[in-house]
Amino acid sequence: MIEEYKSQLPLSIFEDAQKELKNHKLTKKQEKEFFDKLLESYKSSRIDPGESIGVITAESFGEPGTQMTLNIFHFAGVVELNVTLGLPRLIEIFDARKEASTPSMEIYLDKQYNKDINAARKVAALIKETKFRELAQEFSINIAKLQIEATPNKKNMRDLRITDQILLKTLSESIKEVSVKQNKDGTIVLKPGKEIELKDLYKLKEKAKDTFIKGIPGVTQVLPIKQNNEFVILTSGSNLKEVFKLKEVDKSRSVSNDIFEVLKNLGVEAARQAIVNESLKVIQEQGLDVDIRHILFIADLMTASGTIKGITRSGITSEKESVLARASFETPIRHLIDASLVGEEDELTSVIENVIVNQPVPLGTGLPGLIARIKKLDGMKNG
């Protein structure tokens, strides 16, 4: 009996219904009643042919968007780990901005690392980008010897599992034409191979401070937190490609909030899902209710071409066939002049251009464009 409903319902709804049935002991009659009501509810929620879905989707985002706050959210009170939310984040997603204002990752760990906080901290130490400035208590310039002297911060080095040998080797390889050695008191000395002026020595000191020692470039902060009985690492900064190279990381669940990075590393389907997830997160965090189908519609529209295109004059709008539709969005003079130069024609097939020229609009989606004349079969009654 249940199988006959399988073809009439979407698979996700059907599977959810089956899970619910396992939790309740129902008779065959009650099960049939349950599926009948579910099917009725599903059919009534479908969009009718001719419905203007684009307008409804735009309105469904536009109205709640006016009530959104311009807020930045801090993780666990850590100032460095902040994520842009609210209206600025929604605009960032739908404009398809190449650089996220606050890129971050949610890194899930393999089973042997996600139950113990110390193991999670070890992985976090591998991920965090570490520069020389974080491993030294003090930098000074020895004017008499024209050299730079740095006092190591032993505690930070222990926490980040960096030895003196690793530090000296990395500095030697990273800073060219400079000899790096360590005095008996532990001070690290950087001495240029040739005589240089004091101002150049100062520049060298600043360059040395920013020398990359270990970790993943771009990930400036890490924070292991407990989430659903496992430890997850939240980051400030994003670099999925390098994170996926770590054997301790669960690649199937780790995500970034930078949709272009997801596109580059995981493809357009994953990017589409990232747009849906990030939009939904912002909307739910604000306590607003927008049907997920509107979000899916926008995500499909943005990624239909195989890459991500924003809802901007250079993105989706630029692809519209109608000159008047393009001109109605932004920079109308430019669009009209460009169209005039090549003698472009406007077929007036969609809503905007017909509103502009004061004609009835061809409204809705899913309406048939073909009418077939059916021959009267023998034996059919007239009527």
Protein backbone atom coordinates (compact mmCIF):
# COMPACT_ATOMS: atom_id res chain seq x y z
CA MET A 1 0.00 0.00 0.00
CA ILE A 2 2.81 2.41 0.94
CA GLU A 3 4.59 1.81 -2.38
CA GLU A 4 1.67 3.26 -4.38
CA TYR A 5 2.30 6.64 -2.71
CA LYS A 6 6.03 6.53 -3.49
CA SER A 7 5.54 7.57 -7.11
CA GLN A 8 3.19 10.42 -6.13
CA LEU A 9 5.40 12.05 -3.48
CA PRO A 10 8.95 13.51 -3.68
CA LEU A 11 11.49 11.01 -2.35
CA SER A 12 12.62 13.24 0.55
CA ILE A 13 9.02 13.68 1.82
CA PHE A 14 8.31 9.96 1.36
CA GLU A 15 11.45 8.98 3.34
CA ASP A 16 10.63 11.44 6.14
CA ALA A 17 7.11 9.99 6.29
CA GLN A 18 8.48 6.44 6.60
CA LYS A 19 10.76 7.53 9.48
CA GLU A 20 7.76 9.04 11.27
CA LEU A 21 5.75 5.84 10.79
CA LYS A 22 8.48 3.81 12.52
CA ASN A 23 8.06 5.96 15.65
CA HIS A 24 4.28 5.39 15.81
CA LYS A 25 2.30 2.15 15.81
CA LEU A 26 -0.50 2.72 13.32
CA THR A 27 -3.04 0.36 11.82
CA LYS A 28 -3.21 -0.12 8.02
CA LYS A 29 -6.29 2.12 7.93
CA GLN A 30 -4.50 4.90 9.89
CA GLU A 31 -1.42 4.60 7.65
CA LYS A 32 -3.61 5.05 4.55
CA GLU A 33 -5.33 8.04 6.16
CA PHE A 34 -1.92 9.53 7.04
CA PHE A 35 -0.61 9.18 3.46
CA ASP A 36 -3.87 10.52 1.97
CA LYS A 37 -3.60 13.69 4.08
CA LEU A 38 0.12 13.99 3.30
CA LEU A 39 -0.57 13.70 -0.44
CA GLU A 40 -3.39 16.25 -0.21
CA SER A 41 -1.12 18.65 1.69
CA TYR A 42 1.68 18.17 -0.87
CA LYS A 43 -0.63 18.82 -3.84
CA SER A 44 -2.06 21.96 -2.27
CA SER A 45 1.46 23.31 -1.64
CA ARG A 46 2.54 22.96 -5.27
CA ILE A 47 2.73 26.05 -7.46
CA ASP A 48 -0.14 26.33 -9.94
CA PRO A 49 0.65 26.69 -13.66
CA GLY A 50 0.61 30.38 -14.51
CA GLU A 51 1.79 31.44 -11.04
CA SER A 52 4.27 34.35 -11.18
CA ILE A 53 6.92 32.63 -9.10
CA GLY A 54 9.65 35.21 -9.74
CA VAL A 55 7.55 38.02 -8.25
CA ILE A 56 6.57 35.87 -5.25
CA THR A 57 10.20 34.90 -4.59
CA ALA A 58 11.36 38.53 -4.87
CA GLU A 59 8.61 39.63 -2.47
CA SER A 60 9.35 36.77 -0.05
CA PHE A 61 12.95 38.00 0.30
CA GLY A 62 12.32 41.72 -0.06
CA GLU A 63 9.76 42.08 2.73
CA PRO A 64 11.69 40.20 5.49
CA GLY A 65 14.93 41.81 4.24
CA THR A 66 13.61 45.25 5.27
CA GLN A 67 13.35 43.98 8.85
CA MET A 68 16.83 42.54 9.06
CA THR A 69 19.44 44.02 11.36
CA LEU A 70 22.94 45.01 10.30
CA ASN A 71 24.74 42.80 12.75
CA ILE A 72 28.06 41.00 13.16
CA PHE A 73 28.01 37.85 15.25
CA HIS A 74 30.89 36.83 17.53
CA PHE A 75 31.66 33.17 18.21
CA ALA A 76 31.88 32.39 21.93
CA GLY A 77 32.94 35.94 22.76
CA VAL A 78 36.15 35.70 20.75
CA VAL A 79 36.58 38.99 18.92
CA GLU A 80 38.80 37.49 16.20
CA LEU A 81 36.16 34.92 15.23
CA ASN A 82 33.37 37.09 13.90
CA VAL A 83 31.04 36.34 11.05
CA THR A 84 28.97 38.86 9.10
CA LEU A 85 25.26 38.09 9.34
CA GLY A 86 22.03 39.92 8.73
CA LEU A 87 21.33 42.03 5.66
CA PRO A 88 25.02 42.65 4.72
CA ARG A 89 25.62 38.89 4.50
CA LEU A 90 22.48 38.30 2.41
CA ILE A 91 23.52 41.07 -0.01
CA GLU A 92 27.02 39.56 -0.16
CA ILE A 93 25.62 36.13 -1.13
CA PHE A 94 23.10 37.32 -3.73
CA ASP A 95 25.52 39.83 -5.27
CA ALA A 96 28.00 36.91 -5.58
CA ARG A 97 30.90 38.96 -4.26
CA LYS A 98 34.24 37.30 -5.02
CA GLU A 99 35.68 38.02 -1.56
CA ALA A 100 33.63 37.17 1.54
CA SER A 101 33.95 39.91 4.18
CA THR A 102 34.49 37.37 6.99
CA PRO A 103 35.46 34.01 5.44
CA SER A 104 35.30 31.07 7.85
CA MET A 105 35.23 27.28 7.87
CA GLU A 106 33.54 24.63 9.95
CA ILE A 107 36.01 21.75 10.02
CA TYR A 108 34.76 18.32 11.09
CA LEU A 109 37.28 15.75 12.27
CA ASP A 110 37.62 11.98 11.77
CA LYS A 111 36.30 9.71 14.54
CA GLN A 112 39.66 9.23 16.29
CA TYR A 113 40.09 12.99 16.75
CA ASN A 114 36.58 14.39 17.35
CA LYS A 115 35.89 13.00 20.83
CA ASP A 116 38.97 14.28 22.72
CA ILE A 117 39.56 18.02 23.19
CA ASN A 118 43.36 17.56 23.25
CA ALA A 119 43.30 15.73 19.92
CA ALA A 120 41.09 18.48 18.46
CA ARG A 121 43.52 21.12 19.74
CA LYS A 122 46.44 19.31 18.09
CA VAL A 123 44.62 19.41 14.73
CA ALA A 124 43.70 23.06 15.32
CA ALA A 125 47.41 23.83 15.89
CA LEU A 126 48.20 22.19 12.52
CA ILE A 127 45.57 24.34 10.78
CA LYS A 128 46.26 27.77 12.28
CA GLU A 129 48.50 30.01 10.20
CA THR A 130 51.51 30.84 12.39
CA LYS A 131 53.82 33.75 11.70
CA PHE A 132 57.13 34.58 13.37
CA ARG A 133 55.58 37.53 15.27
CA GLU A 134 53.40 35.06 17.27
CA LEU A 135 56.45 33.05 18.37
CA ALA A 136 58.53 35.95 19.69
CA GLN A 137 58.11 38.01 22.85
CA GLU A 138 60.23 40.87 21.57
CA PHE A 139 61.99 42.10 18.44
CA SER A 140 64.93 44.51 18.64
CA ILE A 141 67.55 45.99 16.33
CA ASN A 142 71.15 45.82 17.47
CA ILE A 143 72.52 49.01 15.86
CA ALA A 144 76.16 48.28 16.82
CA LYS A 145 76.15 44.89 15.05
CA LEU A 146 73.48 45.80 12.44
CA GLN A 147 71.44 42.71 13.21
CA ILE A 148 67.92 41.79 14.35
CA GLU A 149 67.43 39.96 17.64
CA ALA A 150 64.23 38.14 18.61
CA THR A 151 63.39 36.59 21.99
CA PRO A 152 61.33 33.39 21.45
CA ASN A 153 58.05 32.86 23.32
CA LYS A 154 58.57 29.30 24.58
CA LYS A 155 54.97 28.85 25.76
CA ASN A 156 53.49 29.75 22.36
CA MET A 157 56.04 27.51 20.64
CA ARG A 158 55.07 24.58 22.88
CA ASP A 159 51.34 25.18 22.31
CA LEU A 160 51.83 25.27 18.55
CA ARG A 161 54.31 22.35 18.66
CA ILE A 162 57.15 24.26 17.04
CA THR A 163 60.75 23.45 18.04
CA ASP A 164 63.78 25.74 17.82
CA GLN A 165 65.12 23.62 14.94
CA ILE A 166 61.89 23.98 12.90
CA LEU A 167 61.84 27.74 13.53
CA LEU A 168 65.49 28.28 12.53
CA LYS A 169 65.17 26.07 9.42
CA THR A 170 61.98 27.85 8.23
CA LEU A 171 63.44 31.31 8.79
CA SER A 172 66.64 30.37 6.90
CA GLU A 173 64.62 29.09 3.93
CA SER A 174 62.12 31.98 3.89
CA ILE A 175 64.42 35.00 4.28
CA LYS A 176 67.03 35.12 1.56
CA GLU A 177 70.61 36.44 2.02
CA VAL A 178 70.25 36.48 5.81
CA SER A 179 72.10 34.21 8.25
CA VAL A 180 69.91 32.86 11.06
CA LYS A 181 71.41 31.47 14.25
CA GLN A 182 70.53 31.07 17.92
CA ASN A 183 72.63 32.38 20.80
CA LYS A 184 73.23 30.40 24.00
CA ASP A 185 70.61 32.46 25.84
CA GLY A 186 68.01 31.37 23.23
CA THR A 187 67.88 34.67 21.31
CA ILE A 188 67.44 34.26 17.56
CA VAL A 189 69.75 36.50 15.54
CA LEU A 190 69.10 37.53 11.93
CA LYS A 191 72.14 39.09 10.30
CA PRO A 192 72.14 40.31 6.68
CA GLY A 193 74.83 38.78 4.45
CA LYS A 194 75.96 42.23 3.32
CA GLU A 195 76.06 45.65 4.94
CA ILE A 196 72.75 47.47 4.68
CA GLU A 197 71.41 50.80 5.89
CA LEU A 198 69.43 51.13 9.12
CA LYS A 199 66.13 51.82 7.31
CA ASP A 200 66.59 48.60 5.29
CA LEU A 201 67.29 46.71 8.52
CA TYR A 202 64.01 48.05 9.91
CA LYS A 203 62.19 46.84 6.77
CA LEU A 204 63.85 43.43 7.19
CA LYS A 205 62.59 43.27 10.79
CA GLU A 206 58.98 43.90 9.64
CA LYS A 207 59.38 41.30 6.88
CA ALA A 208 60.74 38.77 9.40
CA LYS A 209 57.73 39.32 11.68
CA ASP A 210 55.39 38.29 8.85
CA THR A 211 57.39 35.21 7.87
CA PHE A 212 55.11 32.17 7.52
CA ILE A 213 56.26 29.37 9.83
CA LYS A 214 53.59 26.64 9.70
CA GLY A 215 49.87 25.94 9.35
CA ILE A 216 47.47 26.77 6.52
CA PRO A 217 47.78 30.18 4.84
CA GLY A 218 44.76 32.41 5.34
CA VAL A 219 43.46 30.72 8.52
CA THR A 220 44.20 33.37 11.15
CA GLN A 221 42.20 31.98 14.09
CA VAL A 222 40.98 28.54 15.17
CA LEU A 223 38.48 27.58 17.87
CA PRO A 224 37.65 23.95 18.77
CA ILE A 225 34.09 23.74 20.15
CA LYS A 226 31.81 20.88 21.17
CA GLN A 227 28.85 20.47 18.86
CA ASN A 228 26.42 17.50 18.93
CA ASN A 229 28.75 15.30 21.04
CA GLU A 230 31.83 15.90 18.89
CA PHE A 231 34.53 18.54 18.61
CA VAL A 232 34.42 20.79 15.57
CA ILE A 233 37.00 23.45 14.64
CA LEU A 234 35.67 26.88 13.68
CA THR A 235 38.10 29.14 11.84
CA SER A 236 38.51 32.74 10.85
CA GLY A 237 39.80 32.67 7.29
CA SER A 238 39.21 29.98 4.69
CA ASN A 239 41.39 27.63 2.64
CA LEU A 240 39.46 24.44 1.81
CA LYS A 241 42.05 23.08 -0.61
CA GLU A 242 44.80 22.89 2.03
CA VAL A 243 42.45 21.71 4.80
CA PHE A 244 41.36 18.76 2.64
CA LYS A 245 44.99 17.61 2.49
CA LEU A 246 45.00 16.86 6.25
CA LYS A 247 44.28 13.21 7.03
CA GLU A 248 42.64 14.17 10.36
CA VAL A 249 39.86 16.12 8.61
CA ASP A 250 36.48 14.65 7.59
CA LYS A 251 36.32 16.00 4.02
CA SER A 252 32.71 14.92 3.46
CA ARG A 253 31.33 17.32 6.10
CA SER A 254 33.79 20.23 6.33
CA VAL A 255 32.41 23.42 4.80
CA SER A 256 33.37 27.02 4.05
CA ASN A 257 31.09 30.06 3.99
CA ASP A 258 32.96 31.38 0.94
CA ILE A 259 30.77 30.22 -1.97
CA PHE A 260 33.45 30.90 -4.61
CA GLU A 261 35.95 28.75 -2.73
CA VAL A 262 33.36 25.96 -2.58
CA LEU A 263 32.83 26.37 -6.35
CA LYS A 264 36.57 26.18 -7.03
CA ASN A 265 37.20 23.08 -4.90
CA LEU A 266 33.95 21.12 -4.99
CA GLY A 267 32.09 22.25 -8.13
CA VAL A 268 28.91 24.10 -9.02
CA GLU A 269 26.44 21.70 -7.34
CA ALA A 270 28.23 22.15 -4.01
CA ALA A 271 28.31 25.93 -4.57
CA ARG A 272 24.54 25.89 -5.18
CA GLN A 273 24.05 24.03 -1.89
CA ALA A 274 26.38 26.51 -0.13
CA ILE A 275 24.20 29.42 -1.36
CA VAL A 276 21.10 27.63 0.02
CA ASN A 277 22.74 26.82 3.37
CA GLU A 278 24.26 30.27 3.90
CA SER A 279 21.04 32.10 2.95
CA LEU A 280 18.97 29.85 5.19
CA LYS A 281 21.39 30.37 8.09
CA VAL A 282 21.09 34.16 7.84
CA ILE A 283 17.28 34.10 7.56
CA GLN A 284 16.79 31.66 10.45
CA GLU A 285 19.28 33.52 12.67
CA GLN A 286 17.12 36.63 12.24
CA GLY A 287 14.02 34.67 13.27
CA LEU A 288 12.41 35.08 9.85
CA ASP A 289 10.44 32.49 7.92
CA VAL A 290 11.06 32.20 4.17
CA ASP A 291 10.00 29.02 2.38
CA ILE A 292 13.10 27.06 1.29
CA ARG A 293 11.68 26.74 -2.25
CA HIS A 294 12.26 30.47 -2.80
CA ILE A 295 15.89 30.03 -1.74
CA LEU A 296 16.26 26.99 -4.01
CA PHE A 297 14.83 29.00 -6.91
CA ILE A 298 17.37 31.82 -6.44
CA ALA A 299 20.26 29.34 -5.97
CA ASP A 300 19.26 27.56 -9.21
CA LEU A 301 19.09 30.85 -11.07
CA MET A 302 22.52 31.95 -9.80
CA THR A 303 24.26 28.67 -10.74
CA ALA A 304 22.35 27.58 -13.89
CA SER A 305 25.22 28.67 -16.17
CA GLY A 306 27.76 26.38 -14.46
CA THR A 307 29.35 29.18 -12.46
CA ILE A 308 28.02 31.66 -9.88
CA LYS A 309 26.36 34.81 -11.19
CA GLY A 310 25.06 37.48 -8.84
CA ILE A 311 21.73 39.26 -9.08
CA THR A 312 23.49 42.36 -10.38
CA ARG A 313 23.77 44.35 -13.62
CA SER A 314 26.90 42.39 -14.58
CA GLY A 315 25.47 39.02 -13.50
CA ILE A 316 22.04 37.55 -14.19
CA THR A 317 20.54 40.83 -15.43
CA SER A 318 23.20 41.22 -18.14
CA GLU A 319 22.06 37.92 -19.71
CA LYS A 320 18.47 39.03 -20.30
CA GLU A 321 17.54 39.09 -23.99
CA SER A 322 15.37 42.17 -23.64
CA VAL A 323 17.10 45.56 -23.94
CA LEU A 324 14.39 47.28 -21.90
CA ALA A 325 14.63 44.65 -19.14
CA ARG A 326 18.41 45.24 -18.86
CA ALA A 327 17.91 49.00 -18.94
CA SER A 328 15.29 48.88 -16.18
CA PHE A 329 17.77 47.50 -13.62
CA GLU A 330 20.79 49.85 -13.58
CA THR A 331 22.74 52.09 -16.02
CA PRO A 332 19.84 52.43 -18.52
CA ILE A 333 21.61 54.92 -20.84
CA ARG A 334 24.55 52.56 -21.43
CA HIS A 335 22.26 49.61 -22.28
CA LEU A 336 20.12 51.69 -24.67
CA ILE A 337 23.17 53.17 -26.45
CA ASP A 338 24.85 49.74 -26.82
CA ALA A 339 21.63 48.25 -28.22
CA SER A 340 21.19 51.19 -30.63
CA LEU A 341 24.73 50.80 -32.00
CA VAL A 342 24.11 47.21 -33.11
CA GLY A 343 20.42 47.63 -34.00
CA GLU A 344 19.21 45.17 -31.36
CA GLU A 345 15.53 44.17 -31.41
CA ASP A 346 13.30 43.65 -28.38
CA GLU A 347 10.69 40.90 -28.71
CA LEU A 348 8.77 42.12 -25.61
CA THR A 349 8.41 38.57 -24.27
CA SER A 350 8.65 39.09 -20.51
CA VAL A 351 7.00 41.21 -17.83
CA ILE A 352 9.26 44.27 -17.36
CA GLU A 353 9.45 45.44 -20.97
CA ASN A 354 5.67 45.10 -21.40
CA VAL A 355 5.07 47.21 -18.30
CA ILE A 356 7.42 49.87 -19.76
CA VAL A 357 5.51 50.03 -23.08
CA ASN A 358 2.10 49.79 -21.34
CA GLN A 359 1.02 46.42 -22.73
CA PRO A 360 -0.63 43.42 -21.02
CA VAL A 361 2.07 41.26 -19.47
CA PRO A 362 2.66 37.57 -20.30
CA LEU A 363 2.43 36.39 -16.71
CA GLY A 364 3.40 33.16 -15.02
CA THR A 365 5.27 29.92 -15.49
CA GLY A 366 4.37 26.47 -16.76
CA LEU A 367 1.67 27.66 -19.17
CA PRO A 368 1.46 25.59 -22.37
CA GLY A 369 2.64 27.28 -25.53
CA LEU A 370 1.16 24.65 -27.83
CA ILE A 371 -2.46 23.73 -28.48
CA ALA A 372 -3.15 20.42 -30.24
CA ARG A 373 -6.35 19.72 -32.18
CA ILE A 374 -7.53 16.23 -31.24
CA LYS A 375 -9.40 14.28 -33.90
CA LYS A 376 -12.79 13.01 -32.82
CA LEU A 377 -12.57 9.27 -32.37
CA ASP A 378 -15.18 6.94 -33.78
CA GLY A 379 -17.86 6.05 -31.28
CA MET A 380 -17.37 9.22 -29.17
CA LYS A 381 -20.56 11.01 -28.33
CA ASN A 382 -21.11 14.45 -29.71
CA GLY A 383 -21.03 17.19 -27.14
